[in-house]
Amino acid sequence: MPLLKVSTVNQARWARFCHNRRGFWSLWIFLVIFVLALLSNVLANDKPILARYQGHWFVPFMVNYSETTFGGELETPADYQDPFVLNQLEDHGWVLWAPIRSSFNSINFATTQPFPSPPSAQNWLGTDSNGHDVLAQILYGLRISLFFGILLTLFSSLIGVTAGAAQGYYGGRIDLIGQRFIEVWSGMPTLFLIIMLASVVQPNFWWLLLISVLSGWMILVGVVRAEFLRTRNFDYIRAAQAMGVSDRAIMLRHMLPNAMVATLTYLPFILCGSITTLASLDFLGFGLPLGSPSLGTLLMEGKNNLQAPWLGISAFVVLASLLSLLIFIGEAVRDAFNPSAQHHEAR
């Protein structure tokens, strides 16, 4: 019976979410973008996806083969842009290429125009000042940005929910000390801290994620704390405590589900801020290592090359579209968890 009740509530929430057409279609568009970003190695690569050579199968985009494998004389990794290697593969088999025959670090030496070169049949969105394909950089940059944002949202939420639940449930001295600690910790200048540490440690994906988690876990503390403070004096909570139910069981089974309603409405907005954080750090030069695909780096390329408007426009359109989709999804989730929301057509 309780399962049926929960299922009914969730069905009603899903119906309210779907009724917000803007949020509903934004979710599907975001999922498509997420899948395309996951498949960036298959969609954009300067190595063949599949090759048949002298009766044998090869998967060059996953396995590094030496040039001797395809009839060459060097033991170095095969360069599939080399005319000799290409002729060997085409004369003794066939090759299946990715739709975009460039990776994020590929340099187009065949172009006759100086870098950054404008959009062409070879580079659909042009190249940057280093000759890298812009579209390939966008695909790989989206994958890193989404993974960074999802992991940052997940870890920050876990820490924030745990801290807020402990403060709200126990109250008293724990709540007082926790609030004073948050006040002090939230006053730390995160950007200046990253700039100082960047002079000592070479920034990388996990290092940036750790610093961002340490500075961003407080977002959900206030929401969860308020919900636990509100529900800890309810009769069913008092009854559970009187029956000897452990604090952990009460918090997880009886109080946390109520707090998660408010928490879930914040997650798309937190994800939006997490993606912006990485893009901002890369734009300022304190983000991922030099040469990594990044939307922020592409924005910096656009700023440094105003004569090549396709760089700034491409990065801006991608970031603005992605963040707008997340905002629309967040609004739909907020309406879905609001039982008093009126069913109306989304503008």
Protein backbone atom coordinates (compact mmCIF):
# COMPACT_ATOMS: atom_id res chain seq x y z
CA MET A 1 0.00 0.00 0.00
CA PRO A 2 2.76 2.53 0.80
CA LEU A 3 4.48 1.61 -2.49
CA LEU A 4 1.24 2.32 -4.34
CA LYS A 5 0.95 5.68 -2.63
CA VAL A 6 4.54 6.63 -3.47
CA SER A 7 4.05 5.52 -7.04
CA THR A 8 0.93 7.63 -7.34
CA VAL A 9 2.72 10.69 -5.99
CA ASN A 10 5.61 10.19 -8.40
CA GLN A 11 3.22 9.73 -11.29
CA ALA A 12 1.56 13.02 -10.42
CA ARG A 13 4.97 14.72 -10.27
CA TRP A 14 5.96 13.29 -13.63
CA ALA A 15 2.67 14.47 -15.11
CA ARG A 16 3.30 18.00 -13.81
CA PHE A 17 6.83 17.87 -15.22
CA CYS A 18 5.61 16.73 -18.63
CA HIS A 19 2.93 19.43 -18.63
CA ASN A 20 5.71 22.01 -18.64
CA ARG A 21 6.47 21.54 -22.32
CA ARG A 22 9.51 23.78 -22.27
CA GLY A 23 11.13 21.79 -19.46
CA PHE A 24 10.04 18.45 -20.93
CA TRP A 25 11.61 19.09 -24.34
CA SER A 26 14.66 20.68 -22.72
CA LEU A 27 15.23 17.42 -20.84
CA TRP A 28 15.19 15.40 -24.07
CA ILE A 29 17.45 17.86 -25.86
CA PHE A 30 19.86 17.79 -22.93
CA LEU A 31 19.89 13.96 -22.98
CA VAL A 32 20.68 14.00 -26.70
CA ILE A 33 23.55 16.45 -26.12
CA PHE A 34 24.80 14.30 -23.24
CA VAL A 35 24.80 11.16 -25.41
CA LEU A 36 26.58 12.99 -28.25
CA ALA A 37 29.19 14.22 -25.78
CA LEU A 38 29.72 10.67 -24.49
CA LEU A 39 30.26 9.52 -28.07
CA SER A 40 32.69 12.31 -28.91
CA ASN A 41 35.48 9.76 -29.56
CA VAL A 42 33.29 8.12 -32.19
CA LEU A 43 31.87 11.32 -33.69
CA ALA A 44 35.12 13.29 -33.88
CA ASN A 45 38.42 11.48 -34.34
CA ASP A 46 41.42 11.68 -36.63
CA LYS A 47 41.78 7.90 -36.40
CA PRO A 48 39.51 5.45 -38.22
CA ILE A 49 36.67 3.93 -36.23
CA LEU A 50 37.05 0.59 -37.97
CA ALA A 51 39.51 -0.75 -40.55
CA ARG A 52 39.83 -3.93 -42.58
CA TYR A 53 43.39 -4.62 -43.72
CA GLN A 54 44.59 -7.79 -45.43
CA GLY A 55 41.71 -9.82 -44.05
CA HIS A 56 42.11 -8.60 -40.44
CA TRP A 57 39.94 -6.22 -38.41
CA PHE A 58 41.38 -3.20 -36.59
CA VAL A 59 39.88 -0.60 -34.25
CA PRO A 60 42.37 2.28 -34.48
CA PHE A 61 40.40 4.78 -32.40
CA MET A 62 40.64 2.43 -29.40
CA VAL A 63 43.96 0.63 -29.98
CA ASN A 64 47.29 2.16 -30.98
CA TYR A 65 48.81 0.26 -33.89
CA SER A 66 52.34 0.78 -35.16
CA GLU A 67 53.06 1.78 -38.73
CA THR A 68 54.55 -1.66 -39.42
CA THR A 69 51.07 -3.15 -38.92
CA PHE A 70 50.00 -1.50 -42.17
CA GLY A 71 53.12 -2.17 -44.20
CA GLY A 72 55.34 0.65 -42.93
CA GLU A 73 58.91 0.49 -41.66
CA LEU A 74 58.64 2.42 -38.37
CA GLU A 75 57.57 1.05 -35.01
CA THR A 76 56.02 4.39 -34.09
CA PRO A 77 52.21 4.75 -33.84
CA ALA A 78 50.59 4.93 -37.25
CA ASP A 79 49.72 8.39 -38.53
CA TYR A 80 46.42 7.94 -40.34
CA GLN A 81 46.78 11.33 -42.04
CA ASP A 82 49.95 10.09 -43.76
CA PRO A 83 49.23 9.41 -47.45
CA PHE A 84 51.29 6.20 -47.32
CA VAL A 85 49.21 4.72 -44.47
CA LEU A 86 45.98 5.84 -46.12
CA ASN A 87 46.95 4.25 -49.44
CA GLN A 88 47.91 1.02 -47.70
CA LEU A 89 44.55 0.80 -45.95
CA GLU A 90 42.54 1.67 -49.06
CA ASP A 91 44.51 -0.62 -51.37
CA HIS A 92 44.35 -3.65 -49.07
CA GLY A 93 41.00 -3.13 -47.39
CA TRP A 94 38.65 -0.36 -46.40
CA VAL A 95 38.30 2.27 -43.67
CA LEU A 96 35.34 3.63 -41.70
CA TRP A 97 35.94 7.21 -40.55
CA ALA A 98 34.20 9.31 -37.94
CA PRO A 99 31.76 11.96 -39.23
CA ILE A 100 34.27 14.60 -38.10
CA ARG A 101 37.77 13.55 -39.13
CA SER A 102 39.48 15.60 -36.42
CA SER A 103 40.08 15.13 -32.72
CA PHE A 104 40.28 17.97 -30.21
CA ASN A 105 44.07 18.15 -30.60
CA SER A 106 44.29 17.50 -34.34
CA ILE A 107 45.97 20.17 -36.45
CA ASN A 108 44.71 20.74 -39.98
CA PHE A 109 47.92 21.04 -41.99
CA ALA A 110 46.03 20.74 -45.27
CA THR A 111 44.33 24.13 -45.07
CA THR A 112 45.65 26.95 -47.22
CA GLN A 113 44.39 29.67 -44.88
CA PRO A 114 46.18 30.95 -41.77
CA PHE A 115 44.97 29.94 -38.34
CA PRO A 116 42.37 30.57 -37.10
CA SER A 117 40.76 29.53 -40.37
CA PRO A 118 37.05 30.13 -41.11
CA PRO A 119 34.41 27.37 -41.39
CA SER A 120 34.91 25.08 -44.37
CA ALA A 121 34.04 21.61 -45.62
CA GLN A 122 36.98 20.20 -43.64
CA ASN A 123 36.29 22.14 -40.44
CA TRP A 124 32.59 22.86 -40.15
CA LEU A 125 33.04 25.51 -37.44
CA GLY A 126 36.53 26.55 -38.43
CA THR A 127 39.75 26.19 -36.45
CA ASP A 128 41.28 28.05 -33.53
CA SER A 129 44.63 29.81 -33.45
CA ASN A 130 46.42 26.46 -33.04
CA GLY A 131 44.69 24.80 -35.98
CA HIS A 132 42.40 22.63 -33.85
CA ASP A 133 38.91 21.85 -35.12
CA VAL A 134 36.35 23.95 -33.21
CA LEU A 135 33.49 21.45 -33.49
CA ALA A 136 35.67 18.62 -32.15
CA GLN A 137 36.77 20.83 -29.26
CA ILE A 138 33.13 21.60 -28.47
CA LEU A 139 32.19 17.91 -28.36
CA TYR A 140 35.14 16.92 -26.16
CA GLY A 141 34.75 20.07 -24.05
CA LEU A 142 31.08 19.29 -23.47
CA ARG A 143 31.98 15.83 -22.21
CA ILE A 144 34.50 17.18 -19.71
CA SER A 145 32.17 20.00 -18.63
CA LEU A 146 29.22 17.66 -18.09
CA PHE A 147 31.27 15.10 -16.17
CA PHE A 148 32.81 17.84 -14.04
CA GLY A 149 29.41 19.41 -13.38
CA ILE A 150 27.70 16.11 -12.55
CA LEU A 151 30.48 14.98 -10.20
CA LEU A 152 30.66 18.39 -8.52
CA THR A 153 26.88 18.44 -8.08
CA LEU A 154 26.87 14.88 -6.70
CA PHE A 155 29.70 15.33 -4.17
CA SER A 156 28.58 18.80 -3.10
CA SER A 157 25.04 17.55 -2.59
CA LEU A 158 26.15 14.54 -0.54
CA ILE A 159 28.26 16.68 1.79
CA GLY A 160 25.67 19.46 1.98
CA VAL A 161 22.76 17.11 2.69
CA THR A 162 24.76 15.25 5.36
CA ALA A 163 25.83 18.46 7.11
CA GLY A 164 22.37 20.02 6.90
CA ALA A 165 20.70 16.86 8.20
CA ALA A 166 23.04 16.62 11.19
CA GLN A 167 22.56 20.28 12.07
CA GLY A 168 18.79 20.18 11.71
CA TYR A 169 18.22 16.89 13.51
CA TYR A 170 20.49 17.37 16.53
CA GLY A 171 20.28 21.16 16.77
CA GLY A 172 21.78 22.78 19.84
CA ARG A 173 25.54 23.01 19.98
CA ILE A 174 26.07 21.01 16.78
CA ASP A 175 23.84 23.40 14.86
CA LEU A 176 25.50 26.46 16.41
CA ILE A 177 29.05 25.28 15.68
CA GLY A 178 28.05 24.19 12.18
CA GLN A 179 26.51 27.54 11.34
CA ARG A 180 29.53 29.48 12.60
CA PHE A 181 31.86 27.20 10.60
CA ILE A 182 29.79 27.73 7.44
CA GLU A 183 29.85 31.48 7.94
CA VAL A 184 33.64 31.46 8.16
CA TRP A 185 34.15 28.92 5.37
CA SER A 186 31.78 30.65 2.94
CA GLY A 187 33.78 33.87 3.36
CA MET A 188 36.92 32.32 1.88
CA PRO A 189 37.74 33.72 -1.59
CA THR A 190 37.66 30.56 -3.69
CA LEU A 191 39.08 32.12 -6.84
CA PHE A 192 42.04 33.66 -5.02
CA LEU A 193 42.67 30.34 -3.29
CA ILE A 194 42.76 28.52 -6.63
CA ILE A 195 45.08 31.16 -8.09
CA MET A 196 47.49 30.78 -5.20
CA LEU A 197 47.44 26.98 -5.29
CA ALA A 198 47.84 26.99 -9.08
CA SER A 199 51.30 28.49 -8.60
CA VAL A 200 52.28 25.48 -6.47
CA VAL A 201 50.32 22.55 -7.96
CA GLN A 202 49.63 21.91 -11.65
CA PRO A 203 45.83 22.03 -11.95
CA ASN A 204 44.07 18.96 -13.32
CA PHE A 205 40.53 17.64 -13.47
CA TRP A 206 40.47 15.98 -10.03
CA TRP A 207 42.35 18.78 -8.32
CA LEU A 208 39.87 21.36 -9.61
CA LEU A 209 36.99 19.10 -8.62
CA LEU A 210 38.32 18.79 -5.07
CA ILE A 211 38.76 22.55 -4.65
CA SER A 212 35.32 23.23 -6.12
CA VAL A 213 33.67 20.67 -3.83
CA LEU A 214 35.35 22.14 -0.76
CA SER A 215 34.04 25.58 -1.68
CA GLY A 216 30.60 24.62 -3.00
CA TRP A 217 29.18 22.04 -0.59
CA MET A 218 27.28 24.66 1.44
CA ILE A 219 24.58 25.32 -1.18
CA LEU A 220 22.13 22.71 0.13
CA VAL A 221 22.96 22.94 3.82
CA GLY A 222 20.41 25.66 4.55
CA VAL A 223 17.57 23.94 2.69
CA VAL A 224 18.12 20.53 4.32
CA ARG A 225 18.73 22.05 7.75
CA ALA A 226 15.48 24.02 7.63
CA GLU A 227 13.51 20.92 6.61
CA PHE A 228 15.01 18.80 9.39
CA LEU A 229 14.39 21.55 11.96
CA ARG A 230 10.77 21.67 10.82
CA THR A 231 10.11 17.94 10.95
CA ARG A 232 12.12 16.84 13.98
CA ASN A 233 9.29 17.79 16.36
CA PHE A 234 6.55 16.04 14.39
CA ASP A 235 4.57 13.40 16.26
CA TYR A 236 5.69 10.47 14.12
CA ILE A 237 9.36 11.45 14.67
CA ARG A 238 8.80 11.64 18.45
CA ALA A 239 7.02 8.30 18.33
CA ALA A 240 9.91 6.70 16.44
CA GLN A 241 12.38 8.04 18.97
CA ALA A 242 10.26 6.73 21.85
CA MET A 243 10.17 3.28 20.24
CA GLY A 244 13.97 3.19 20.20
CA VAL A 245 14.50 3.64 16.46
CA SER A 246 18.08 4.73 15.80
CA ASP A 247 18.82 8.31 14.78
CA ARG A 248 20.26 7.12 11.50
CA ALA A 249 17.10 5.20 10.58
CA ILE A 250 14.88 8.15 11.51
CA MET A 251 16.95 10.55 9.46
CA LEU A 252 17.18 8.31 6.39
CA ARG A 253 13.68 6.80 6.32
CA HIS A 254 11.41 9.44 7.80
CA MET A 255 13.05 12.86 7.45
CA LEU A 256 15.35 12.72 4.44
CA PRO A 257 12.57 11.98 1.87
CA ASN A 258 10.85 15.22 2.89
CA ALA A 259 14.10 17.17 2.56
CA MET A 260 14.87 15.59 -0.83
CA VAL A 261 11.78 17.22 -2.35
CA ALA A 262 13.34 20.65 -1.89
CA THR A 263 16.83 19.35 -2.66
CA LEU A 264 15.95 17.87 -6.05
CA THR A 265 14.57 21.19 -7.26
CA TYR A 266 18.00 22.75 -6.67
CA LEU A 267 20.06 20.12 -8.50
CA PRO A 268 19.65 21.43 -12.09
CA PHE A 269 20.62 24.92 -10.93
CA ILE A 270 23.64 23.55 -9.04
CA LEU A 271 24.69 21.63 -12.17
CA CYS A 272 24.35 24.85 -14.15
CA GLY A 273 26.63 26.67 -11.72
CA SER A 274 29.14 23.80 -11.72
CA ILE A 275 29.55 23.93 -15.50
CA THR A 276 29.97 27.69 -15.32
CA THR A 277 32.65 27.28 -12.65
CA LEU A 278 34.87 25.13 -14.87
CA ALA A 279 34.32 27.38 -17.90
CA SER A 280 35.24 30.46 -15.83
CA LEU A 281 38.43 28.88 -14.48
CA ASP A 282 39.51 27.79 -17.96
CA PHE A 283 38.72 31.24 -19.36
CA LEU A 284 40.94 32.86 -16.71
CA GLY A 285 43.73 30.35 -17.31
CA PHE A 286 43.50 28.58 -13.94
CA GLY A 287 41.53 25.54 -15.07
CA LEU A 288 42.45 22.37 -16.92
CA PRO A 289 46.01 21.80 -18.19
CA LEU A 290 47.04 23.56 -21.37
CA GLY A 291 45.82 21.67 -24.43
CA SER A 292 42.75 20.15 -22.77
CA PRO A 293 39.44 20.60 -24.61
CA SER A 294 37.39 23.20 -22.81
CA LEU A 295 34.54 25.57 -23.53
CA GLY A 296 36.21 28.21 -21.37
CA THR A 297 39.43 27.96 -23.38
CA LEU A 298 37.41 28.34 -26.56
CA LEU A 299 35.85 31.50 -25.14
CA MET A 300 39.33 32.81 -24.39
CA GLU A 301 40.33 32.01 -27.99
CA GLY A 302 37.38 34.09 -29.17
CA LYS A 303 38.44 37.00 -26.95
CA ASN A 304 42.02 36.85 -28.19
CA ASN A 305 41.00 36.55 -31.86
CA LEU A 306 38.27 39.09 -32.47
CA GLN A 307 38.98 38.85 -36.20
CA ALA A 308 37.65 35.26 -36.03
CA PRO A 309 34.07 35.71 -34.76
CA TRP A 310 33.19 32.03 -35.26
CA LEU A 311 35.26 31.15 -32.18
CA GLY A 312 33.42 33.37 -29.70
CA ILE A 313 30.03 32.81 -31.31
CA SER A 314 30.37 29.01 -31.27
CA ALA A 315 31.44 28.89 -27.61
CA PHE A 316 28.79 31.39 -26.54
CA VAL A 317 25.94 29.60 -28.35
CA VAL A 318 26.93 26.21 -26.89
CA LEU A 319 27.30 27.48 -23.33
CA ALA A 320 24.19 29.67 -23.47
CA SER A 321 22.09 26.83 -24.93
CA LEU A 322 23.35 24.28 -22.40
CA LEU A 323 22.77 26.54 -19.40
CA SER A 324 19.34 27.58 -20.71
CA LEU A 325 18.31 23.93 -21.05
CA LEU A 326 19.35 23.26 -17.45
CA ILE A 327 17.44 26.31 -16.21
CA PHE A 328 14.30 25.20 -18.05
CA ILE A 329 14.67 21.68 -16.63
CA GLY A 330 15.11 23.13 -13.16
CA GLU A 331 11.94 25.20 -13.50
CA ALA A 332 10.01 22.11 -14.61
CA VAL A 333 11.36 20.07 -11.68
CA ARG A 334 10.39 22.85 -9.29
CA ASP A 335 6.84 22.83 -10.67
CA ALA A 336 6.73 19.03 -10.53
CA PHE A 337 7.51 18.96 -6.81
CA ASN A 338 5.11 21.80 -6.06
CA PRO A 339 1.70 20.16 -5.44
CA SER A 340 -0.06 23.52 -5.57
CA ALA A 341 1.32 24.30 -9.03
CA GLN A 342 -1.44 25.05 -11.49
CA HIS A 343 -1.46 23.16 -14.75
CA HIS A 344 -0.81 25.77 -17.38
CA GLU A 345 0.79 25.82 -20.75
CA ALA A 346 4.48 26.70 -20.65
CA ARG A 347 5.32 29.88 -22.43
